[in-house]
Amino acid sequence: MEWLITNAIAAWLLPPGFVFVVLLAALVLARRRPWLARSLAAFAFIALYALSTPYVAWQLRHSLEPAPRDPLADKSGEAIVILGGGIYVDAPEYGADTTNTETLARLRYGAHLYRALKKPVLVTGGTVLGRIPEAVAMKSVLESEFQAPVQWVEQKSRNTMENARLSKEVLKSAGIRRIYLVTHAWHMPRAQLAFRHHGFEVIPAGSDYATRFHTLLDFLPNASALHDSSRVFHEVIGIGWYHLRILAGK
């Protein structure tokens, strides 16, 4: 229930949800304050257009992502921690739940790091709405498809802060504090914040950076760009929320 409520609220704070909120406000104000209503409607149109263009979406992602670095240049990490990114539910071609494309991208890079570093691997990610835990599916894919063994499976976490807290509980018995943290580059600032808050020394191992060959098509709106813009808004709100939680001592 908590997951449903949180995501329902987020849907109205992120694009395109907040655009509809602004348009609704414009509709309510149309008779009493027509000038303000027109201004709100114009703002909603401009915001929706801008956030739907690949150029703006790329700029937003690029501003959020940390500078690329090669984690292989730092051999001091003690373990590789790979964060889950979601489940492909009831995949008909596999006959079961499996990792979605975002999780698969993280696993691929995590396997690459494992082959180069030979450090033990922890996968972290729980379950939502009674489905298979992400970490269980991640372990299966890593071992069967990438031939990368998984030493630890943390399968109770429901968000990034819980990924960090519960991974700490798993790794503390092994005395591991310095980790290679594998996630998408756009998610890395929030992930680093969470893991450092829980006492880890983090070597960022980001993947899927916002690289692009720019053309005039970058100024035409499309759904993929709007999705990327929405993801950046989600991360920025999440970072702010985590800072508040940390200040509150949670």
C-alpha atoms as a PDB file:
ATOM      1  CA  MET A   1       0.000   0.000   0.000  1.00  0.00           C
ATOM      2  CA  GLU A   2       2.830   2.423   0.859  1.00  0.00           C
ATOM      3  CA  TRP A   3       4.411   1.761  -2.559  1.00  0.00           C
ATOM      4  CA  LEU A   4       1.102   2.473  -4.322  1.00  0.00           C
ATOM      5  CA  ILE A   5       0.509   5.719  -2.417  1.00  0.00           C
ATOM      6  CA  THR A   6       4.067   6.974  -2.981  1.00  0.00           C
ATOM      7  CA  ASN A   7       3.948   6.270  -6.697  1.00  0.00           C
ATOM      8  CA  ALA A   8       0.462   7.762  -7.059  1.00  0.00           C
ATOM      9  CA  ILE A   9       1.681  11.026  -5.517  1.00  0.00           C
ATOM     10  CA  ALA A  10       4.817  10.964  -7.672  1.00  0.00           C
ATOM     11  CA  ALA A  11       2.719  10.545 -10.821  1.00  0.00           C
ATOM     12  CA  TRP A  12       1.227  14.012 -10.258  1.00  0.00           C
ATOM     13  CA  LEU A  13       4.555  15.655  -9.389  1.00  0.00           C
ATOM     14  CA  LEU A  14       6.422  14.382 -12.456  1.00  0.00           C
ATOM     15  CA  PRO A  15       5.849  15.230 -16.106  1.00  0.00           C
ATOM     16  CA  PRO A  16       3.391  14.872 -17.691  1.00  0.00           C
ATOM     17  CA  GLY A  17       1.352  14.668 -14.448  1.00  0.00           C
ATOM     18  CA  PHE A  18       2.190  18.154 -13.199  1.00  0.00           C
ATOM     19  CA  VAL A  19       1.326  19.555 -16.657  1.00  0.00           C
ATOM     20  CA  PHE A  20      -2.226  18.224 -16.249  1.00  0.00           C
ATOM     21  CA  VAL A  21      -2.379  19.756 -12.773  1.00  0.00           C
ATOM     22  CA  VAL A  22      -1.450  23.154 -14.230  1.00  0.00           C
ATOM     23  CA  LEU A  23      -4.041  22.759 -17.009  1.00  0.00           C
ATOM     24  CA  LEU A  24      -6.686  21.839 -14.443  1.00  0.00           C
ATOM     25  CA  ALA A  25      -5.825  24.963 -12.465  1.00  0.00           C
ATOM     26  CA  ALA A  26      -6.132  27.003 -15.662  1.00  0.00           C
ATOM     27  CA  LEU A  27      -9.558  25.512 -16.323  1.00  0.00           C
ATOM     28  CA  VAL A  28     -10.755  26.332 -12.787  1.00  0.00           C
ATOM     29  CA  LEU A  29      -9.511  29.929 -13.088  1.00  0.00           C
ATOM     30  CA  ALA A  30     -10.781  30.501 -16.649  1.00  0.00           C
ATOM     31  CA  ARG A  31     -13.854  32.545 -15.628  1.00  0.00           C
ATOM     32  CA  ARG A  32     -12.580  34.401 -12.574  1.00  0.00           C
ATOM     33  CA  ARG A  33      -9.018  35.153 -13.685  1.00  0.00           C
ATOM     34  CA  PRO A  34      -8.774  34.643 -17.450  1.00  0.00           C
ATOM     35  CA  TRP A  35      -5.337  36.282 -17.767  1.00  0.00           C
ATOM     36  CA  LEU A  36      -3.846  33.959 -15.151  1.00  0.00           C
ATOM     37  CA  ALA A  37      -5.620  30.987 -16.727  1.00  0.00           C
ATOM     38  CA  ARG A  38      -4.153  31.792 -20.145  1.00  0.00           C
ATOM     39  CA  SER A  39      -0.701  32.198 -18.621  1.00  0.00           C
ATOM     40  CA  LEU A  40      -0.933  28.807 -16.901  1.00  0.00           C
ATOM     41  CA  ALA A  41      -2.147  27.143 -20.097  1.00  0.00           C
ATOM     42  CA  ALA A  42       0.736  28.676 -22.070  1.00  0.00           C
ATOM     43  CA  PHE A  43       3.218  27.541 -19.402  1.00  0.00           C
ATOM     44  CA  ALA A  44       1.818  23.987 -19.538  1.00  0.00           C
ATOM     45  CA  PHE A  45       2.113  23.895 -23.336  1.00  0.00           C
ATOM     46  CA  ILE A  46       5.695  25.199 -23.355  1.00  0.00           C
ATOM     47  CA  ALA A  47       6.745  22.859 -20.527  1.00  0.00           C
ATOM     48  CA  LEU A  48       5.220  19.813 -22.203  1.00  0.00           C
ATOM     49  CA  TYR A  49       6.848  20.649 -25.533  1.00  0.00           C
ATOM     50  CA  ALA A  50      10.280  21.352 -24.032  1.00  0.00           C
ATOM     51  CA  LEU A  51      10.354  18.268 -21.791  1.00  0.00           C
ATOM     52  CA  SER A  52       9.291  16.112 -24.753  1.00  0.00           C
ATOM     53  CA  THR A  53      12.234  17.140 -26.939  1.00  0.00           C
ATOM     54  CA  PRO A  54      15.374  14.964 -26.987  1.00  0.00           C
ATOM     55  CA  TYR A  55      17.559  18.058 -26.703  1.00  0.00           C
ATOM     56  CA  VAL A  56      16.058  19.201 -23.380  1.00  0.00           C
ATOM     57  CA  ALA A  57      15.854  15.642 -22.042  1.00  0.00           C
ATOM     58  CA  TRP A  58      19.536  15.109 -22.881  1.00  0.00           C
ATOM     59  CA  GLN A  59      20.504  18.375 -21.187  1.00  0.00           C
ATOM     60  CA  LEU A  60      18.587  17.424 -18.057  1.00  0.00           C
ATOM     61  CA  ARG A  61      20.146  13.963 -17.876  1.00  0.00           C
ATOM     62  CA  HIS A  62      23.612  15.319 -18.609  1.00  0.00           C
ATOM     63  CA  SER A  63      23.298  17.859 -15.776  1.00  0.00           C
ATOM     64  CA  LEU A  64      22.273  15.144 -13.313  1.00  0.00           C
ATOM     65  CA  GLU A  65      24.827  12.468 -14.166  1.00  0.00           C
ATOM     66  CA  PRO A  66      28.288  12.522 -12.558  1.00  0.00           C
ATOM     67  CA  ALA A  67      31.312  12.775 -14.824  1.00  0.00           C
ATOM     68  CA  PRO A  68      32.201   9.373 -16.309  1.00  0.00           C
ATOM     69  CA  ARG A  69      35.037   7.557 -14.587  1.00  0.00           C
ATOM     70  CA  ASP A  70      36.622   4.167 -15.008  1.00  0.00           C
ATOM     71  CA  PRO A  71      36.077   2.119 -11.838  1.00  0.00           C
ATOM     72  CA  LEU A  72      38.669  -0.383 -13.076  1.00  0.00           C
ATOM     73  CA  ALA A  73      41.346   2.230 -12.372  1.00  0.00           C
ATOM     74  CA  ASP A  74      40.641   1.797  -8.645  1.00  0.00           C
ATOM     75  CA  LYS A  75      41.424  -1.703  -7.385  1.00  0.00           C
ATOM     76  CA  SER A  76      40.615  -0.954  -3.745  1.00  0.00           C
ATOM     77  CA  GLY A  77      36.963  -2.003  -3.836  1.00  0.00           C
ATOM     78  CA  GLU A  78      36.056  -5.097  -1.834  1.00  0.00           C
ATOM     79  CA  ALA A  79      32.779  -6.082  -3.510  1.00  0.00           C
ATOM     80  CA  ILE A  80      30.551  -5.240  -6.467  1.00  0.00           C
ATOM     81  CA  VAL A  81      27.029  -4.152  -5.517  1.00  0.00           C
ATOM     82  CA  ILE A  82      24.448  -4.144  -8.332  1.00  0.00           C
ATOM     83  CA  LEU A  83      21.135  -2.353  -7.782  1.00  0.00           C
ATOM     84  CA  GLY A  84      17.902  -3.712  -9.217  1.00  0.00           C
ATOM     85  CA  GLY A  85      15.986  -1.587 -11.707  1.00  0.00           C
ATOM     86  CA  GLY A  86      12.706  -3.440 -12.052  1.00  0.00           C
ATOM     87  CA  ILE A  87      11.050  -6.666 -13.142  1.00  0.00           C
ATOM     88  CA  TYR A  88       9.608  -7.770 -16.487  1.00  0.00           C
ATOM     89  CA  VAL A  89       6.399  -9.297 -15.136  1.00  0.00           C
ATOM     90  CA  ASP A  90       5.047 -12.543 -16.597  1.00  0.00           C
ATOM     91  CA  ALA A  91       7.469 -12.477 -19.532  1.00  0.00           C
ATOM     92  CA  PRO A  92       5.706 -14.747 -22.060  1.00  0.00           C
ATOM     93  CA  GLU A  93       8.911 -15.690 -23.877  1.00  0.00           C
ATOM     94  CA  TYR A  94      10.456 -16.942 -20.621  1.00  0.00           C
ATOM     95  CA  GLY A  95       7.303 -18.177 -18.942  1.00  0.00           C
ATOM     96  CA  ALA A  96       8.038 -16.330 -15.701  1.00  0.00           C
ATOM     97  CA  ASP A  97       9.084 -13.003 -14.207  1.00  0.00           C
ATOM     98  CA  THR A  98      12.580 -11.897 -15.188  1.00  0.00           C
ATOM     99  CA  THR A  99      14.713  -8.762 -15.148  1.00  0.00           C
ATOM    100  CA  ASN A 100      13.562  -5.778 -17.186  1.00  0.00           C
ATOM    101  CA  THR A 101      15.789  -3.940 -19.644  1.00  0.00           C
ATOM    102  CA  GLU A 102      17.093  -1.433 -17.066  1.00  0.00           C
ATOM    103  CA  THR A 103      18.128  -4.152 -14.638  1.00  0.00           C
ATOM    104  CA  LEU A 104      19.649  -6.119 -17.505  1.00  0.00           C
ATOM    105  CA  ALA A 105      21.864  -3.164 -18.460  1.00  0.00           C
ATOM    106  CA  ARG A 106      23.158  -2.978 -14.886  1.00  0.00           C
ATOM    107  CA  LEU A 107      23.792  -6.710 -14.783  1.00  0.00           C
ATOM    108  CA  ARG A 108      25.728  -6.602 -18.015  1.00  0.00           C
ATOM    109  CA  TYR A 109      28.038  -3.923 -16.676  1.00  0.00           C
ATOM    110  CA  GLY A 110      28.314  -5.656 -13.313  1.00  0.00           C
ATOM    111  CA  ALA A 111      29.387  -8.858 -15.072  1.00  0.00           C
ATOM    112  CA  HIS A 112      31.963  -6.857 -17.023  1.00  0.00           C
ATOM    113  CA  LEU A 113      33.386  -5.532 -13.759  1.00  0.00           C
ATOM    114  CA  TYR A 114      33.398  -9.004 -12.221  1.00  0.00           C
ATOM    115  CA  ARG A 115      35.422 -10.453 -15.100  1.00  0.00           C
ATOM    116  CA  ALA A 116      37.945  -7.625 -14.828  1.00  0.00           C
ATOM    117  CA  LEU A 117      38.198  -7.381 -11.031  1.00  0.00           C
ATOM    118  CA  LYS A 118      37.222 -10.836  -9.727  1.00  0.00           C
ATOM    119  CA  LYS A 119      35.537  -9.226  -6.717  1.00  0.00           C
ATOM    120  CA  PRO A 120      32.504 -10.893  -5.034  1.00  0.00           C
ATOM    121  CA  VAL A 121      29.072  -9.721  -6.188  1.00  0.00           C
ATOM    122  CA  LEU A 122      26.001  -8.672  -4.209  1.00  0.00           C
ATOM    123  CA  VAL A 123      22.666  -8.105  -5.944  1.00  0.00           C
ATOM    124  CA  THR A 124      19.991  -6.086  -4.183  1.00  0.00           C
ATOM    125  CA  GLY A 125      16.295  -5.581  -4.857  1.00  0.00           C
ATOM    126  CA  GLY A 126      13.094  -6.802  -3.259  1.00  0.00           C
ATOM    127  CA  THR A 127       9.580  -7.446  -4.461  1.00  0.00           C
ATOM    128  CA  VAL A 128       6.563  -5.241  -5.169  1.00  0.00           C
ATOM    129  CA  LEU A 129       2.964  -6.485  -5.289  1.00  0.00           C
ATOM    130  CA  GLY A 130       3.947 -10.050  -4.460  1.00  0.00           C
ATOM    131  CA  ARG A 131       6.185 -10.676  -7.475  1.00  0.00           C
ATOM    132  CA  ILE A 132       9.558 -12.438  -7.527  1.00  0.00           C
ATOM    133  CA  PRO A 133      12.264 -10.413  -5.736  1.00  0.00           C
ATOM    134  CA  GLU A 134      14.435  -8.496  -8.171  1.00  0.00           C
ATOM    135  CA  ALA A 135      17.601  -9.877  -6.602  1.00  0.00           C
ATOM    136  CA  VAL A 136      16.509 -13.478  -7.175  1.00  0.00           C
ATOM    137  CA  ALA A 137      15.903 -12.796 -10.866  1.00  0.00           C
ATOM    138  CA  MET A 138      19.190 -10.868 -11.063  1.00  0.00           C
ATOM    139  CA  LYS A 139      21.166 -13.753  -9.608  1.00  0.00           C
ATOM    140  CA  SER A 140      19.600 -16.152 -12.088  1.00  0.00           C
ATOM    141  CA  VAL A 141      20.451 -13.966 -15.086  1.00  0.00           C
ATOM    142  CA  LEU A 142      23.975 -13.153 -13.909  1.00  0.00           C
ATOM    143  CA  GLU A 143      24.892 -16.773 -13.345  1.00  0.00           C
ATOM    144  CA  SER A 144      23.101 -18.442 -16.255  1.00  0.00           C
ATOM    145  CA  GLU A 145      23.581 -15.811 -18.963  1.00  0.00           C
ATOM    146  CA  PHE A 146      26.701 -13.867 -17.954  1.00  0.00           C
ATOM    147  CA  GLN A 147      28.574 -16.647 -16.079  1.00  0.00           C
ATOM    148  CA  ALA A 148      29.196 -14.287 -13.155  1.00  0.00           C
ATOM    149  CA  PRO A 149      28.684 -15.916  -9.727  1.00  0.00           C
ATOM    150  CA  VAL A 150      26.672 -14.072  -7.085  1.00  0.00           C
ATOM    151  CA  GLN A 151      27.857 -14.371  -3.489  1.00  0.00           C
ATOM    152  CA  TRP A 152      25.125 -12.397  -1.706  1.00  0.00           C
ATOM    153  CA  VAL A 153      21.427 -11.847  -2.448  1.00  0.00           C
ATOM    154  CA  GLU A 154      19.586  -9.041  -0.648  1.00  0.00           C
ATOM    155  CA  GLN A 155      15.907  -9.492  -1.529  1.00  0.00           C
ATOM    156  CA  LYS A 156      13.910  -7.404   0.955  1.00  0.00           C
ATOM    157  CA  SER A 157      14.593  -3.797  -0.097  1.00  0.00           C
ATOM    158  CA  ARG A 158      11.897  -1.722  -1.825  1.00  0.00           C
ATOM    159  CA  ASN A 159      13.830   1.437  -2.674  1.00  0.00           C
ATOM    160  CA  THR A 160      17.367   2.785  -2.966  1.00  0.00           C
ATOM    161  CA  MET A 161      17.711   3.771   0.690  1.00  0.00           C
ATOM    162  CA  GLU A 162      16.659   0.271   1.711  1.00  0.00           C
ATOM    163  CA  ASN A 163      19.093  -1.165  -0.856  1.00  0.00           C
ATOM    164  CA  ALA A 164      21.854   0.603   1.074  1.00  0.00           C
ATOM    165  CA  ARG A 165      20.655  -0.212   4.589  1.00  0.00           C
ATOM    166  CA  LEU A 166      19.996  -3.891   3.952  1.00  0.00           C
ATOM    167  CA  SER A 167      23.148  -4.360   1.868  1.00  0.00           C
ATOM    168  CA  LYS A 168      25.086  -3.043   4.858  1.00  0.00           C
ATOM    169  CA  GLU A 169      23.481  -5.709   7.051  1.00  0.00           C
ATOM    170  CA  VAL A 170      24.492  -8.405   4.560  1.00  0.00           C
ATOM    171  CA  LEU A 171      28.080  -7.212   4.080  1.00  0.00           C
ATOM    172  CA  LYS A 172      28.969  -6.215   7.639  1.00  0.00           C
ATOM    173  CA  SER A 173      29.788  -9.807   8.623  1.00  0.00           C
ATOM    174  CA  ALA A 174      32.380  -9.881   5.830  1.00  0.00           C
ATOM    175  CA  GLY A 175      33.804  -6.550   6.973  1.00  0.00           C
ATOM    176  CA  ILE A 176      33.145  -4.961   3.576  1.00  0.00           C
ATOM    177  CA  ARG A 177      32.759  -1.185   3.394  1.00  0.00           C
ATOM    178  CA  ARG A 178      34.377  -0.112   0.118  1.00  0.00           C
ATOM    179  CA  ILE A 179      32.247  -1.124  -2.854  1.00  0.00           C
ATOM    180  CA  TYR A 180      31.854  -0.707  -6.578  1.00  0.00           C
ATOM    181  CA  LEU A 181      28.298   0.586  -6.917  1.00  0.00           C
ATOM    182  CA  VAL A 182      26.621  -0.402 -10.182  1.00  0.00           C
ATOM    183  CA  THR A 183      23.560   1.480 -11.376  1.00  0.00           C
ATOM    184  CA  HIS A 184      22.502   3.805 -14.181  1.00  0.00           C
ATOM    185  CA  ALA A 185      24.419   7.071 -14.375  1.00  0.00           C
ATOM    186  CA  TRP A 186      21.193   9.070 -13.917  1.00  0.00           C
ATOM    187  CA  HIS A 187      20.509   7.155 -10.692  1.00  0.00           C
ATOM    188  CA  MET A 188      24.058   7.360  -9.321  1.00  0.00           C
ATOM    189  CA  PRO A 189      23.753  10.651  -7.332  1.00  0.00           C
ATOM    190  CA  ARG A 190      20.815   9.333  -5.288  1.00  0.00           C
ATOM    191  CA  ALA A 191      22.381   5.879  -4.935  1.00  0.00           C
ATOM    192  CA  GLN A 192      25.696   7.307  -3.726  1.00  0.00           C
ATOM    193  CA  LEU A 193      23.878   9.515  -1.227  1.00  0.00           C
ATOM    194  CA  ALA A 194      22.040   6.510   0.221  1.00  0.00           C
ATOM    195  CA  PHE A 195      25.041   4.180   0.401  1.00  0.00           C
ATOM    196  CA  ARG A 196      27.379   6.781   1.854  1.00  0.00           C
ATOM    197  CA  HIS A 197      24.748   7.630   4.451  1.00  0.00           C
ATOM    198  CA  HIS A 198      24.863   3.996   5.550  1.00  0.00           C
ATOM    199  CA  GLY A 199      28.630   3.973   5.932  1.00  0.00           C
ATOM    200  CA  PHE A 200      29.877   2.674   2.597  1.00  0.00           C
ATOM    201  CA  GLU A 201      32.853   4.041   0.710  1.00  0.00           C
ATOM    202  CA  VAL A 202      31.587   4.167  -2.860  1.00  0.00           C
ATOM    203  CA  ILE A 203      33.470   3.713  -6.122  1.00  0.00           C
ATOM    204  CA  PRO A 204      30.853   4.792  -8.698  1.00  0.00           C
ATOM    205  CA  ALA A 205      30.318   2.338 -11.545  1.00  0.00           C
ATOM    206  CA  GLY A 206      27.685   4.084 -13.640  1.00  0.00           C
ATOM    207  CA  SER A 207      26.283   2.802 -16.913  1.00  0.00           C
ATOM    208  CA  ASP A 208      24.085   4.126 -19.736  1.00  0.00           C
ATOM    209  CA  TYR A 209      25.384   7.689 -19.822  1.00  0.00           C
ATOM    210  CA  ALA A 210      23.561  10.374 -21.805  1.00  0.00           C
ATOM    211  CA  THR A 211      25.638  10.330 -24.977  1.00  0.00           C
ATOM    212  CA  ARG A 212      24.083  11.684 -28.149  1.00  0.00           C
ATOM    213  CA  PHE A 213      24.700  12.662 -31.756  1.00  0.00           C
ATOM    214  CA  HIS A 214      22.670  15.847 -32.129  1.00  0.00           C
ATOM    215  CA  THR A 215      20.469  16.553 -35.156  1.00  0.00           C
ATOM    216  CA  LEU A 216      17.531  18.849 -35.910  1.00  0.00           C
ATOM    217  CA  LEU A 217      15.253  15.978 -34.870  1.00  0.00           C
ATOM    218  CA  ASP A 218      16.309  16.696 -31.293  1.00  0.00           C
ATOM    219  CA  PHE A 219      13.830  19.588 -31.282  1.00  0.00           C
ATOM    220  CA  LEU A 220      10.844  17.453 -32.269  1.00  0.00           C
ATOM    221  CA  PRO A 221       8.851  16.025 -29.329  1.00  0.00           C
ATOM    222  CA  ASN A 222       8.658  12.304 -28.688  1.00  0.00           C
ATOM    223  CA  ALA A 223       7.532   9.999 -25.876  1.00  0.00           C
ATOM    224  CA  SER A 224      11.004   8.633 -25.148  1.00  0.00           C
ATOM    225  CA  ALA A 225      12.360  12.102 -24.407  1.00  0.00           C
ATOM    226  CA  LEU A 226       9.421  12.860 -22.105  1.00  0.00           C
ATOM    227  CA  HIS A 227      10.159   9.630 -20.253  1.00  0.00           C
ATOM    228  CA  ASP A 228      13.805  10.666 -19.780  1.00  0.00           C
ATOM    229  CA  SER A 229      12.766  14.117 -18.532  1.00  0.00           C
ATOM    230  CA  SER A 230      10.326  12.546 -16.092  1.00  0.00           C
ATOM    231  CA  ARG A 231      13.066  10.267 -14.798  1.00  0.00           C
ATOM    232  CA  VAL A 232      15.313  13.243 -14.064  1.00  0.00           C
ATOM    233  CA  PHE A 233      12.499  14.962 -12.133  1.00  0.00           C
ATOM    234  CA  HIS A 234      11.984  11.721 -10.181  1.00  0.00           C
ATOM    235  CA  GLU A 235      15.658  11.578  -9.239  1.00  0.00           C
ATOM    236  CA  VAL A 236      15.857  15.231  -8.204  1.00  0.00           C
ATOM    237  CA  ILE A 237      12.767  14.885  -5.993  1.00  0.00           C
ATOM    238  CA  GLY A 238      14.211  11.646  -4.592  1.00  0.00           C
ATOM    239  CA  ILE A 239      17.530  13.296  -3.756  1.00  0.00           C
ATOM    240  CA  GLY A 240      15.697  16.099  -1.955  1.00  0.00           C
ATOM    241  CA  TRP A 241      13.579  13.598  -0.041  1.00  0.00           C
ATOM    242  CA  TYR A 242      16.650  11.583   0.985  1.00  0.00           C
ATOM    243  CA  HIS A 243      18.385  14.731   2.265  1.00  0.00           C
ATOM    244  CA  LEU A 244      15.315  15.457   4.405  1.00  0.00           C
ATOM    245  CA  ARG A 245      15.323  11.905   5.755  1.00  0.00           C
ATOM    246  CA  ILE A 246      19.014  12.110   6.560  1.00  0.00           C
ATOM    247  CA  LEU A 247      18.535  15.429   8.374  1.00  0.00           C
ATOM    248  CA  ALA A 248      15.706  13.796  10.334  1.00  0.00           C
ATOM    249  CA  GLY A 249      18.065  10.980  11.331  1.00  0.00           C
ATOM    250  CA  LYS A 250      16.296   8.220   9.393  1.00  0.00           C
END
